[in-house]
Amino acid sequence: MAIAQALLPEFDQEMAYTRKALERVPDDKFDWKPHDKSSTLGALAGHLATLTSLVQFAMTGDSLDMATRPKSPKLNNRAEVLAAFDKGVAEARKAIAGASDEYLMKPWSLRNGSQTFFSVPRAGVLRTFFLNHLIHHRGQFTVYLRLNNVPVPSIYGPSADENPFA
């Protein structure tokens, strides 16, 4: 089985779970944050919505320089978050589906100017720097939802608000 074909089912599932969570972001809570050092709920939703750009960086270049990377757009409401997410997911899925094993095994680096943080095969970037990163922030996002009394969707199993097995 090709690497892309092995990654796509997990990609599709994680994107569906993430969209289900993002659908719940309340427009009137975009500026809420649990702590002074925390991101706002809106910023975190925007980060989740635009994380698919990491796939584009990994699939179209040999590295990403954090010192010169383009800034993500500020998303102001749920509709903008979902539109950005849906567009990014479609583009990322297409890029992954069209990649050969040979291309996915070529090294890709994350840098900040002359400092290289890591160099790994693109397949590793998709798995760790993208999917694991997305899953981490989605978990953080669902805690933000809980703290705002927004029902948390079931993801890998029941939540206190949804039990698909009941």
Protein backbone atom coordinates (compact mmCIF):
# COMPACT_ATOMS: atom_id res chain seq x y z
CA MET A 1 0.00 0.00 0.00
CA ALA A 2 1.27 3.46 -0.86
CA ILE A 3 2.14 5.77 2.04
CA ALA A 4 -0.43 8.38 0.96
CA GLN A 5 -3.15 5.75 0.81
CA ALA A 6 -2.22 4.63 4.33
CA LEU A 7 -2.34 8.22 5.65
CA LEU A 8 -5.58 9.34 4.01
CA PRO A 9 -8.09 7.36 6.13
CA GLU A 10 -6.58 8.79 9.32
CA PHE A 11 -6.46 12.26 7.74
CA ASP A 12 -10.14 12.02 6.78
CA GLN A 13 -11.18 10.84 10.24
CA GLU A 14 -9.20 13.50 12.11
CA MET A 15 -10.51 16.23 9.82
CA ALA A 16 -14.10 15.08 10.44
CA TYR A 17 -13.52 15.11 14.22
CA THR A 18 -11.92 18.54 14.03
CA ARG A 19 -14.73 20.01 11.95
CA LYS A 20 -17.27 18.61 14.42
CA ALA A 21 -15.49 20.50 17.22
CA LEU A 22 -15.05 23.71 15.21
CA GLU A 23 -18.76 23.76 14.36
CA ARG A 24 -19.36 24.53 18.04
CA VAL A 25 -17.18 27.60 18.46
CA PRO A 26 -19.50 30.33 19.77
CA ASP A 27 -19.17 33.62 17.89
CA ASP A 28 -19.73 35.60 21.09
CA LYS A 29 -16.78 33.93 22.87
CA PHE A 30 -13.98 34.55 20.33
CA ASP A 31 -12.14 36.83 22.79
CA TRP A 32 -12.47 34.47 25.78
CA LYS A 33 -9.35 32.86 27.22
CA PRO A 34 -8.83 30.79 30.36
CA HIS A 35 -5.61 32.52 31.45
CA ASP A 36 -3.62 35.63 30.59
CA LYS A 37 -0.93 33.47 28.95
CA SER A 38 -3.46 31.47 26.91
CA SER A 39 -4.68 32.03 23.38
CA THR A 40 -8.20 33.27 22.91
CA LEU A 41 -10.88 30.80 21.88
CA GLY A 42 -11.08 32.52 18.48
CA ALA A 43 -7.32 32.39 17.95
CA LEU A 44 -7.25 28.71 18.85
CA ALA A 45 -10.15 27.99 16.49
CA GLY A 46 -8.32 29.92 13.78
CA HIS A 47 -5.14 27.96 14.42
CA LEU A 48 -7.02 24.67 14.06
CA ALA A 49 -8.71 25.94 10.92
CA THR A 50 -5.44 26.89 9.24
CA LEU A 51 -3.12 24.12 10.41
CA THR A 52 -3.64 22.41 7.06
CA SER A 53 -1.22 25.02 5.70
CA LEU A 54 1.50 22.85 7.24
CA VAL A 55 0.60 20.16 4.71
CA GLN A 56 0.98 22.67 1.88
CA PHE A 57 4.38 23.80 3.18
CA ALA A 58 5.55 20.19 3.50
CA MET A 59 4.30 19.20 0.08
CA THR A 60 5.49 22.21 -1.92
CA GLY A 61 8.91 23.01 -0.50
CA ASP A 62 11.88 21.50 1.27
CA SER A 63 11.47 23.50 4.47
CA LEU A 64 9.51 26.10 6.38
CA ASP A 65 11.37 29.04 7.87
CA MET A 66 9.36 30.27 10.84
CA ALA A 67 11.18 33.63 10.65
CA THR A 68 9.71 34.40 7.22
CA ARG A 69 6.54 32.29 7.08
CA PRO A 70 3.34 33.94 5.96
CA LYS A 71 1.06 34.86 8.85
CA SER A 72 -2.28 33.09 9.14
CA PRO A 73 -5.31 35.28 8.52
CA LYS A 74 -7.35 36.42 11.51
CA LEU A 75 -10.69 34.64 11.42
CA ASN A 76 -13.50 36.55 13.11
CA ASN A 77 -16.39 34.11 13.44
CA ARG A 78 -17.48 30.49 13.08
CA ALA A 79 -18.41 30.88 9.40
CA GLU A 80 -14.91 32.16 8.55
CA VAL A 81 -13.29 29.41 10.63
CA LEU A 82 -15.28 26.67 8.90
CA ALA A 83 -14.73 28.14 5.42
CA ALA A 84 -10.96 28.33 5.98
CA PHE A 85 -10.89 24.83 7.44
CA ASP A 86 -12.90 23.28 4.59
CA LYS A 87 -10.76 24.97 1.94
CA GLY A 88 -7.53 23.92 3.65
CA VAL A 89 -8.69 20.34 4.15
CA ALA A 90 -9.58 19.96 0.46
CA GLU A 91 -6.21 21.36 -0.64
CA ALA A 92 -4.26 19.26 1.87
CA ARG A 93 -6.09 16.06 0.96
CA LYS A 94 -5.40 16.62 -2.73
CA ALA A 95 -1.70 17.23 -2.03
CA ILE A 96 -1.38 14.07 0.06
CA ALA A 97 -3.34 11.91 -2.39
CA GLY A 98 -1.12 12.98 -5.28
CA ALA A 99 2.19 12.30 -3.54
CA SER A 100 4.39 9.34 -4.41
CA ASP A 101 6.16 7.25 -1.79
CA GLU A 102 9.46 8.55 -3.09
CA TYR A 103 8.37 12.16 -2.57
CA LEU A 104 6.95 11.45 0.89
CA MET A 105 10.28 9.93 1.94
CA LYS A 106 12.31 13.01 0.94
CA PRO A 107 13.51 15.11 3.88
CA TRP A 108 11.76 18.28 4.96
CA SER A 109 13.00 20.74 7.59
CA LEU A 110 11.52 23.17 10.04
CA ARG A 111 13.82 26.14 10.54
CA ASN A 112 14.01 29.52 12.19
CA GLY A 113 16.54 31.45 10.16
CA SER A 114 19.78 29.48 10.25
CA GLN A 115 18.63 27.21 13.10
CA THR A 116 17.13 23.88 12.00
CA PHE A 117 14.70 22.39 14.50
CA PHE A 118 14.25 19.09 12.69
CA SER A 119 14.60 17.34 9.35
CA VAL A 120 12.42 14.30 8.72
CA PRO A 121 10.78 12.62 5.74
CA ARG A 122 7.62 14.41 4.58
CA ALA A 123 5.54 11.41 5.70
CA GLY A 124 6.81 12.06 9.22
CA VAL A 125 5.90 15.74 8.94
CA LEU A 126 2.35 14.80 7.98
CA ARG A 127 2.04 12.36 10.85
CA THR A 128 3.67 14.33 13.65
CA PHE A 129 4.03 18.01 12.83
CA PHE A 130 0.58 18.13 11.24
CA LEU A 131 -1.75 15.39 12.59
CA ASN A 132 -0.38 15.13 16.12
CA HIS A 133 -0.17 18.92 16.35
CA LEU A 134 -3.79 19.22 15.20
CA ILE A 135 -4.97 16.56 17.67
CA HIS A 136 -3.14 18.30 20.51
CA HIS A 137 -4.78 21.66 19.81
CA ARG A 138 -8.17 20.07 19.21
CA GLY A 139 -7.98 18.61 22.72
CA GLN A 140 -7.09 22.05 24.07
CA PHE A 141 -9.99 23.51 22.10
CA THR A 142 -12.50 21.04 23.56
CA VAL A 143 -11.40 22.07 27.06
CA TYR A 144 -12.10 25.69 26.09
CA LEU A 145 -15.55 24.59 24.93
CA ARG A 146 -16.19 22.80 28.22
CA LEU A 147 -15.11 25.85 30.23
CA ASN A 148 -17.68 27.88 28.29
CA ASN A 149 -20.48 25.36 28.82
CA VAL A 150 -20.54 24.47 25.14
CA PRO A 151 -21.40 20.78 24.60
CA VAL A 152 -18.25 18.84 23.74
CA PRO A 153 -18.60 16.44 20.81
CA SER A 154 -17.73 12.79 21.09
CA ILE A 155 -14.45 12.17 19.30
CA TYR A 156 -12.76 8.86 20.10
CA GLY A 157 -15.59 7.82 22.34
CA PRO A 158 -18.40 9.35 24.34
CA SER A 159 -18.11 12.81 25.85
CA ALA A 160 -20.11 13.94 28.86
CA ASP A 161 -22.43 15.64 26.36
CA GLU A 162 -22.72 13.00 23.63
CA ASN A 163 -22.80 9.24 23.79
CA PRO A 164 -23.06 7.74 20.30
CA PHE A 165 -23.16 4.27 21.89
CA ALA A 166 -26.22 4.89 24.09
